C-alpha atoms as a PDB file:
ATOM      1  CA  MET A   1     -23.853 -12.420  -2.169  1.00  0.00           C
ATOM      2  CA  THR A   2     -24.909 -14.386  -4.883  1.00  0.00           C
ATOM      3  CA  ASP A   3     -23.388 -17.339  -7.070  1.00  0.00           C
ATOM      4  CA  SER A   4     -21.666 -15.259  -9.415  1.00  0.00           C
ATOM      5  CA  SER A   5     -20.004 -13.471  -6.416  1.00  0.00           C
ATOM      6  CA  PRO A   6     -16.358 -14.307  -7.115  1.00  0.00           C
ATOM      7  CA  TYR A   7     -16.052 -14.602  -3.070  1.00  0.00           C
ATOM      8  CA  ALA A   8     -18.862 -17.409  -3.454  1.00  0.00           C
ATOM      9  CA  VAL A   9     -17.396 -19.117  -6.172  1.00  0.00           C
ATOM     10  CA  ILE A  10     -13.752 -18.849  -4.333  1.00  0.00           C
ATOM     11  CA  ALA A  11     -15.259 -20.402  -1.372  1.00  0.00           C
ATOM     12  CA  LYS A  12     -15.910 -23.417  -2.883  1.00  0.00           C
ATOM     13  CA  VAL A  13     -12.600 -24.499  -3.880  1.00  0.00           C
ATOM     14  CA  PHE A  14     -10.687 -22.444  -0.817  1.00  0.00           C
ATOM     15  CA  ALA A  15     -10.280 -24.705   1.773  1.00  0.00           C
ATOM     16  CA  GLN A  16      -9.518 -27.541  -0.921  1.00  0.00           C
ATOM     17  CA  ALA A  17      -6.319 -25.315  -2.477  1.00  0.00           C
ATOM     18  CA  LEU A  18      -5.042 -24.746   1.144  1.00  0.00           C
ATOM     19  CA  GLU A  19      -4.176 -28.026   2.000  1.00  0.00           C
ATOM     20  CA  MET A  20      -3.412 -29.330  -1.272  1.00  0.00           C
ATOM     21  CA  ASP A  21       0.587 -29.809  -1.421  1.00  0.00           C
ATOM     22  CA  ALA A  22       1.364 -28.371  -4.778  1.00  0.00           C
ATOM     23  CA  PRO A  23       3.439 -24.620  -5.568  1.00  0.00           C
ATOM     24  CA  LEU A  24       1.465 -21.397  -4.247  1.00  0.00           C
ATOM     25  CA  SER A  25       1.066 -20.787  -7.887  1.00  0.00           C
ATOM     26  CA  VAL A  26      -1.267 -23.691  -8.756  1.00  0.00           C
ATOM     27  CA  ARG A  27      -3.446 -23.163  -5.380  1.00  0.00           C
ATOM     28  CA  LEU A  28      -4.018 -19.564  -6.445  1.00  0.00           C
ATOM     29  CA  ASN A  29      -4.444 -20.569  -9.999  1.00  0.00           C
ATOM     30  CA  MET A  30      -7.212 -22.567  -8.747  1.00  0.00           C
ATOM     31  CA  LEU A  31      -8.817 -19.369  -7.082  1.00  0.00           C
ATOM     32  CA  ALA A  32      -8.388 -17.319 -10.228  1.00  0.00           C
ATOM     33  CA  GLU A  33      -9.968 -20.219 -12.534  1.00  0.00           C
ATOM     34  CA  ALA A  34     -12.922 -20.609 -10.093  1.00  0.00           C
ATOM     35  CA  VAL A  35     -13.617 -16.608 -10.627  1.00  0.00           C
ATOM     36  CA  ARG A  36     -13.299 -17.310 -14.620  1.00  0.00           C
ATOM     37  CA  THR A  37     -16.051 -20.133 -14.734  1.00  0.00           C
ATOM     38  CA  GLY A  38     -18.484 -18.855 -12.168  1.00  0.00           C
ATOM     39  CA  ALA A  39     -17.974 -15.038 -12.202  1.00  0.00           C
ATOM     40  CA  PRO A  40     -17.440 -14.397 -15.856  1.00  0.00           C
ATOM     41  CA  ALA A  41     -18.648 -10.767 -15.337  1.00  0.00           C
ATOM     42  CA  PHE A  42     -16.196  -9.799 -12.163  1.00  0.00           C
ATOM     43  CA  SER A  43     -13.234 -11.490 -14.100  1.00  0.00           C
ATOM     44  CA  SER A  44     -13.768  -9.359 -17.087  1.00  0.00           C
ATOM     45  CA  ALA A  45     -13.682  -6.276 -14.655  1.00  0.00           C
ATOM     46  CA  VAL A  46     -10.517  -7.997 -13.200  1.00  0.00           C
ATOM     47  CA  GLU A  47      -8.398  -8.568 -16.480  1.00  0.00           C
ATOM     48  CA  THR A  48      -9.180  -4.754 -17.595  1.00  0.00           C
ATOM     49  CA  LEU A  49      -7.558  -3.332 -14.417  1.00  0.00           C
ATOM     50  CA  ILE A  50      -4.747  -5.776 -14.440  1.00  0.00           C
ATOM     51  CA  ALA A  51      -4.613  -4.624 -18.057  1.00  0.00           C
ATOM     52  CA  ARG A  52      -4.579  -0.587 -17.097  1.00  0.00           C
ATOM     53  CA  LEU A  53      -2.214  -1.449 -14.124  1.00  0.00           C
ATOM     54  CA  SER A  54       0.448  -3.160 -16.371  1.00  0.00           C
ATOM     55  CA  GLN A  55       0.248  -1.086 -19.082  1.00  0.00           C
ATOM     56  CA  VAL A  56       1.312   2.100 -17.056  1.00  0.00           C
ATOM     57  CA  GLY A  57       4.233  -0.094 -14.956  1.00  0.00           C
ATOM     58  CA  LEU A  58       2.873  -0.029 -11.574  1.00  0.00           C
ATOM     59  CA  GLY A  59       5.312  -1.146  -9.045  1.00  0.00           C
ATOM     60  CA  GLN A  60       8.047  -1.424 -12.002  1.00  0.00           C
ATOM     61  CA  ASN A  61       9.789   1.424  -9.752  1.00  0.00           C
ATOM     62  CA  ALA A  62       9.426  -0.072  -6.534  1.00  0.00           C
ATOM     63  CA  PRO A  63      13.009  -1.296  -5.067  1.00  0.00           C
ATOM     64  CA  GLN A  64      14.982  -3.125  -7.438  1.00  0.00           C
ATOM     65  CA  ILE A  65      17.237  -5.748  -6.508  1.00  0.00           C
ATOM     66  CA  GLY A  66      20.467  -4.608  -5.199  1.00  0.00           C
ATOM     67  CA  GLU A  67      18.976  -1.447  -3.759  1.00  0.00           C
ATOM     68  CA  PRO A  68      18.197   0.012  -0.434  1.00  0.00           C
ATOM     69  CA  MET A  69      14.385  -0.686   1.162  1.00  0.00           C
ATOM     70  CA  PRO A  70      12.992   2.768   2.846  1.00  0.00           C
ATOM     71  CA  PRO A  71      12.869   2.924   5.849  1.00  0.00           C
ATOM     72  CA  PHE A  72       9.325   2.573   7.379  1.00  0.00           C
ATOM     73  CA  MET A  73       7.975   3.175  11.112  1.00  0.00           C
ATOM     74  CA  LEU A  74       4.221   1.897  11.290  1.00  0.00           C
ATOM     75  CA  PRO A  75       1.805   0.335  13.743  1.00  0.00           C
ATOM     76  CA  ASP A  76       1.095  -3.280  14.280  1.00  0.00           C
ATOM     77  CA  GLN A  77      -1.504  -5.026  15.428  1.00  0.00           C
ATOM     78  CA  ASN A  78      -1.011  -4.721  19.400  1.00  0.00           C
ATOM     79  CA  ARG A  79      -0.071  -0.824  18.900  1.00  0.00           C
ATOM     80  CA  ARG A  80       2.893  -0.681  18.811  1.00  0.00           C
ATOM     81  CA  LEU A  81       5.562   0.715  16.091  1.00  0.00           C
ATOM     82  CA  ALA A  82       7.509  -1.097  14.115  1.00  0.00           C
ATOM     83  CA  SER A  83      10.638  -0.113  12.523  1.00  0.00           C
ATOM     84  CA  LEU A  84      13.045  -1.625   9.535  1.00  0.00           C
ATOM     85  CA  SER A  85      15.883  -0.713  11.445  1.00  0.00           C
ATOM     86  CA  GLU A  86      14.659  -2.434  14.263  1.00  0.00           C
ATOM     87  CA  MET A  87      14.154  -5.555  11.887  1.00  0.00           C
ATOM     88  CA  LEU A  88      17.880  -5.429  10.283  1.00  0.00           C
ATOM     89  CA  ALA A  89      19.003  -5.493  13.951  1.00  0.00           C
ATOM     90  CA  SER A  90      18.318  -9.034  14.292  1.00  0.00           C
ATOM     91  CA  GLY A  91      19.231 -10.195  10.781  1.00  0.00           C
ATOM     92  CA  PRO A  92      17.757  -9.902   6.666  1.00  0.00           C
ATOM     93  CA  ALA A  93      14.143  -9.434   6.770  1.00  0.00           C
ATOM     94  CA  VAL A  94      11.076 -10.561   4.973  1.00  0.00           C
ATOM     95  CA  ILE A  95       8.399  -7.716   3.840  1.00  0.00           C
ATOM     96  CA  SER A  96       5.355  -8.629   2.057  1.00  0.00           C
ATOM     97  CA  PHE A  97       2.245  -6.482   1.209  1.00  0.00           C
ATOM     98  CA  HIS A  98      -1.221  -7.518   1.394  1.00  0.00           C
ATOM     99  CA  ARG A  99      -4.396  -5.945  -0.060  1.00  0.00           C
ATOM    100  CA  GLY A 100      -6.259  -6.869   3.408  1.00  0.00           C
ATOM    101  CA  HIS A 101      -7.631  -9.607   4.892  1.00  0.00           C
ATOM    102  CA  TRP A 102     -11.277  -9.813   2.725  1.00  0.00           C
ATOM    103  CA  CYS A 103      -8.864 -10.926  -0.630  1.00  0.00           C
ATOM    104  CA  PRO A 104      -8.753 -14.844  -0.574  1.00  0.00           C
ATOM    105  CA  TYR A 105      -5.310 -14.679  -2.474  1.00  0.00           C
ATOM    106  CA  CYS A 106      -3.895 -12.657   0.005  1.00  0.00           C
ATOM    107  CA  GLN A 107      -5.192 -15.181   2.474  1.00  0.00           C
ATOM    108  CA  MET A 108      -3.806 -18.450   0.854  1.00  0.00           C
ATOM    109  CA  THR A 109      -0.233 -16.351   0.513  1.00  0.00           C
ATOM    110  CA  ALA A 110      -0.371 -15.255   4.160  1.00  0.00           C
ATOM    111  CA  ALA A 111      -1.139 -18.787   4.816  1.00  0.00           C
ATOM    112  CA  THR A 112       1.327 -20.346   3.134  1.00  0.00           C
ATOM    113  CA  LEU A 113       3.837 -17.917   4.615  1.00  0.00           C
ATOM    114  CA  ALA A 114       3.160 -18.487   8.142  1.00  0.00           C
ATOM    115  CA  LYS A 115       4.230 -22.159   7.462  1.00  0.00           C
ATOM    116  CA  LEU A 116       7.703 -20.783   7.177  1.00  0.00           C
ATOM    117  CA  GLN A 117       7.962 -18.400  10.367  1.00  0.00           C
ATOM    118  CA  ASP A 118       9.160 -20.947  12.349  1.00  0.00           C
ATOM    119  CA  ARG A 119      12.053 -21.847   9.847  1.00  0.00           C
ATOM    120  CA  ILE A 120      12.480 -18.021   8.859  1.00  0.00           C
ATOM    121  CA  GLY A 121      11.635 -16.652  12.343  1.00  0.00           C
ATOM    122  CA  ARG A 122       9.196 -14.487  13.344  1.00  0.00           C
ATOM    123  CA  ALA A 123      11.505 -11.428  13.991  1.00  0.00           C
ATOM    124  CA  HIS A 124      12.678 -11.530  10.288  1.00  0.00           C
ATOM    125  CA  MET A 125       9.500 -10.867   8.867  1.00  0.00           C
ATOM    126  CA  VAL A 126       6.522  -8.556   8.728  1.00  0.00           C
ATOM    127  CA  ALA A 127       3.130  -7.819   6.688  1.00  0.00           C
ATOM    128  CA  ILE A 128       1.726  -4.576   5.490  1.00  0.00           C
ATOM    129  CA  THR A 129      -1.530  -3.645   4.646  1.00  0.00           C
ATOM    130  CA  PRO A 130      -4.061  -0.623   4.295  1.00  0.00           C
ATOM    131  CA  GLU A 131      -5.804  -1.830   6.799  1.00  0.00           C
ATOM    132  CA  THR A 132      -6.588  -1.267  10.577  1.00  0.00           C
ATOM    133  CA  ARG A 133      -5.922  -2.862  13.744  1.00  0.00           C
ATOM    134  CA  SER A 134      -8.963  -4.575  13.657  1.00  0.00           C
ATOM    135  CA  PHE A 135      -8.929  -5.783  10.372  1.00  0.00           C
ATOM    136  CA  ASN A 136      -5.160  -6.675  10.458  1.00  0.00           C
ATOM    137  CA  SER A 137      -6.146  -9.057  13.154  1.00  0.00           C
ATOM    138  CA  LYS A 138      -8.472 -10.417  11.131  1.00  0.00           C
ATOM    139  CA  LEU A 139      -5.972 -11.704   8.689  1.00  0.00           C
ATOM    140  CA  ILE A 140      -4.152 -13.065  11.107  1.00  0.00           C
ATOM    141  CA  GLU A 141      -6.987 -14.986  12.793  1.00  0.00           C
ATOM    142  CA  ARG A 142      -7.649 -16.547   9.700  1.00  0.00           C
ATOM    143  CA  THR A 143      -4.276 -17.207   8.699  1.00  0.00           C
ATOM    144  CA  GLY A 144      -2.488 -18.073  11.496  1.00  0.00           C
ATOM    145  CA  ILE A 145       0.225 -15.687  10.891  1.00  0.00           C
ATOM    146  CA  GLU A 146       2.255 -15.177  14.433  1.00  0.00           C
ATOM    147  CA  TYR A 147       4.124 -12.019  13.284  1.00  0.00           C
ATOM    148  CA  ARG A 148       3.762  -8.314  13.387  1.00  0.00           C
ATOM    149  CA  VAL A 149       1.147  -6.943  11.126  1.00  0.00           C
ATOM    150  CA  LEU A 150       1.674  -3.510  10.287  1.00  0.00           C
ATOM    151  CA  ALA A 151      -0.922  -0.682   9.244  1.00  0.00           C
ATOM    152  CA  ASP A 152      -0.351   1.075   6.547  1.00  0.00           C
ATOM    153  CA  PRO A 153      -3.008   4.265   6.238  1.00  0.00           C
ATOM    154  CA  ASP A 154      -3.924   5.388   2.999  1.00  0.00           C
ATOM    155  CA  CYS A 155      -1.270   3.380   1.953  1.00  0.00           C
ATOM    156  CA  GLY A 156       1.125   5.799   2.456  1.00  0.00           C
ATOM    157  CA  TYR A 157       4.299   3.890   2.354  1.00  0.00           C
ATOM    158  CA  ALA A 158       3.229   1.600  -0.273  1.00  0.00           C
ATOM    159  CA  LEU A 159       2.896   5.078  -2.492  1.00  0.00           C
ATOM    160  CA  SER A 160       6.602   6.258  -1.436  1.00  0.00           C
ATOM    161  CA  ILE A 161       8.096   3.377  -2.867  1.00  0.00           C
ATOM    162  CA  ASN A 162       5.918   3.162  -6.100  1.00  0.00           C
ATOM    163  CA  LEU A 163       3.664   0.195  -5.051  1.00  0.00           C
ATOM    164  CA  ALA A 164       0.108   1.288  -4.710  1.00  0.00           C
ATOM    165  CA  PHE A 165      -2.871   3.325  -6.567  1.00  0.00           C
ATOM    166  CA  TRP A 166      -5.887   4.798  -6.307  1.00  0.00           C
ATOM    167  CA  VAL A 167      -9.145   2.031  -7.202  1.00  0.00           C
ATOM    168  CA  ASP A 168     -11.150   4.127  -9.841  1.00  0.00           C
ATOM    169  CA  ASP A 169     -14.688   4.518  -9.188  1.00  0.00           C
ATOM    170  CA  ALA A 170     -16.334   1.559 -11.442  1.00  0.00           C
ATOM    171  CA  PHE A 171     -13.865  -0.683  -9.938  1.00  0.00           C
ATOM    172  CA  ALA A 172     -14.946   0.293  -6.172  1.00  0.00           C
ATOM    173  CA  ASP A 173     -18.530   0.072  -7.352  1.00  0.00           C
ATOM    174  CA  LEU A 174     -18.075  -3.556  -8.384  1.00  0.00           C
ATOM    175  CA  MET A 175     -16.389  -4.694  -5.250  1.00  0.00           C
ATOM    176  CA  ARG A 176     -19.334  -2.929  -3.167  1.00  0.00           C
ATOM    177  CA  SER A 177     -21.825  -5.124  -5.652  1.00  0.00           C
ATOM    178  CA  VAL A 178     -20.242  -8.442  -4.346  1.00  0.00           C
ATOM    179  CA  GLY A 179     -20.148  -7.180  -0.470  1.00  0.00           C
ATOM    180  CA  GLN A 180     -16.440  -5.164   0.102  1.00  0.00           C
ATOM    181  CA  ASP A 181     -15.841  -2.019   1.248  1.00  0.00           C
ATOM    182  CA  LEU A 182     -12.697  -1.661   1.074  1.00  0.00           C
ATOM    183  CA  ALA A 183     -13.841   2.041   2.387  1.00  0.00           C
ATOM    184  CA  ALA A 184     -14.768   0.279   5.758  1.00  0.00           C
ATOM    185  CA  TYR A 185     -11.678  -1.274   6.371  1.00  0.00           C
ATOM    186  CA  GLN A 186      -9.404   1.465   5.685  1.00  0.00           C
ATOM    187  CA  THR A 187      -8.201   3.605   8.155  1.00  0.00           C
ATOM    188  CA  ARG A 188      -9.705   6.804   6.500  1.00  0.00           C
ATOM    189  CA  GLY A 189     -12.337   5.898   4.131  1.00  0.00           C
ATOM    190  CA  SER A 190      -9.531   5.457   1.800  1.00  0.00           C
ATOM    191  CA  TRP A 191      -9.973   2.939  -1.949  1.00  0.00           C
ATOM    192  CA  VAL A 192      -5.966   2.559  -2.208  1.00  0.00           C
ATOM    193  CA  LEU A 193      -4.475  -0.411  -2.575  1.00  0.00           C
ATOM    194  CA  PRO A 194      -1.114  -1.666  -2.644  1.00  0.00           C
ATOM    195  CA  VAL A 195       0.470  -4.085  -5.615  1.00  0.00           C
ATOM    196  CA  PRO A 196       0.801  -7.629  -3.863  1.00  0.00           C
ATOM    197  CA  ALA A 197       4.410  -8.344  -2.956  1.00  0.00           C
ATOM    198  CA  THR A 198       7.301  -9.356  -1.322  1.00  0.00           C
ATOM    199  CA  PHE A 199      10.853  -8.293  -0.767  1.00  0.00           C
ATOM    200  CA  VAL A 200      13.659 -10.551   1.021  1.00  0.00           C
ATOM    201  CA  LEU A 201      16.234  -7.713   2.724  1.00  0.00           C
ATOM    202  CA  ASN A 202      19.991  -8.738   3.733  1.00  0.00           C
ATOM    203  CA  ARG A 203      21.087  -7.792   7.226  1.00  0.00           C
ATOM    204  CA  ALA A 204      22.473  -3.969   5.569  1.00  0.00           C
ATOM    205  CA  GLY A 205      18.485  -3.514   3.962  1.00  0.00           C
ATOM    206  CA  ILE A 206      19.335  -4.123   0.661  1.00  0.00           C
ATOM    207  CA  VAL A 207      16.515  -5.932  -1.487  1.00  0.00           C
ATOM    208  CA  VAL A 208      18.198  -9.165  -2.915  1.00  0.00           C
ATOM    209  CA  ALA A 209      15.143 -11.060  -3.778  1.00  0.00           C
ATOM    210  CA  ARG A 210      11.486  -9.236  -5.151  1.00  0.00           C
ATOM    211  CA  HIS A 211       8.381 -10.349  -6.412  1.00  0.00           C
ATOM    212  CA  VAL A 212       6.121  -7.247  -7.711  1.00  0.00           C
ATOM    213  CA  ASP A 213       3.083  -8.030  -9.759  1.00  0.00           C
ATOM    214  CA  PRO A 214       0.296  -6.150 -10.522  1.00  0.00           C
ATOM    215  CA  ASP A 215      -1.741  -8.798 -10.827  1.00  0.00           C
ATOM    216  CA  TYR A 216      -2.659 -10.197  -7.414  1.00  0.00           C
ATOM    217  CA  ARG A 217      -3.300 -13.276  -8.471  1.00  0.00           C
ATOM    218  CA  HIS A 218       0.786 -13.829  -8.895  1.00  0.00           C
ATOM    219  CA  ARG A 219       2.915 -14.118  -5.442  1.00  0.00           C
ATOM    220  CA  MET A 220       6.496 -14.850  -4.709  1.00  0.00           C
ATOM    221  CA  GLU A 221       6.595 -19.054  -4.665  1.00  0.00           C
ATOM    222  CA  PRO A 222       7.969 -19.710  -0.877  1.00  0.00           C
ATOM    223  CA  ALA A 223      11.275 -22.183  -1.834  1.00  0.00           C
ATOM    224  CA  ASP A 224      12.151 -18.788  -3.568  1.00  0.00           C
ATOM    225  CA  LEU A 225      11.530 -16.719  -0.656  1.00  0.00           C
ATOM    226  CA  LEU A 226      13.377 -19.291   2.040  1.00  0.00           C
ATOM    227  CA  ALA A 227      16.022 -19.747  -0.565  1.00  0.00           C
ATOM    228  CA  ALA A 228      16.893 -15.826  -0.614  1.00  0.00           C
ATOM    229  CA  PHE A 229      16.190 -15.180   2.767  1.00  0.00           C
ATOM    230  CA  GLU A 230      18.975 -17.867   3.753  1.00  0.00           C
ATOM    231  CA  GLN A 231      21.477 -17.079   1.343  1.00  0.00           C
ATOM    232  CA  SER A 232      21.255 -13.497   3.040  1.00  0.00           C
ATOM    233  CA  SER A 233      21.341 -15.081   6.498  1.00  0.00           C
END
């Protein structure tokens, strides 16, 4: 990767942003600003992609507040199946969707959520990615997650709840040019990505809070997540 790679420029500020005592949005914006100034061509392509996804309303039809979260049964990092019904048997649940271990915004978000796992309880939290078990293990190692990370092959579950899209050839080529071949990370060589999202469910599996945004640089603030979870407990 060259110095103009978004991953190279993010690496220069990632550790600083990770340790900052600041809202997650501020720290994620530090990464985005590094890309805007250090890798402008990549940043421009990202803006075009996000505008396209926003225009078609990607994620708008994902489960809404007051609606039930559709059931799932997916394998975790230990090859054990995890289901939504299993989670809800012990109380409210927090479900987060990440693009993958390679995404610094997902790493930042997951590391932040890991700091809540003692307070929320690991049995009440789960992360879902389209990646294989070995790459989900890398996400765990990099972020300190101690709860289950589930593999969603080809984003099958995410697609079923209107929360994923196929990456076009032009953007796939751009990703490869900066050293990221998503097909190598996913189960069937796919180029499908979920919209990063967080859902908080009550004991009945009803969505009580959500954050869904096709702009992957925006995520739910931990304080909002925690407040919604505690109100549902």
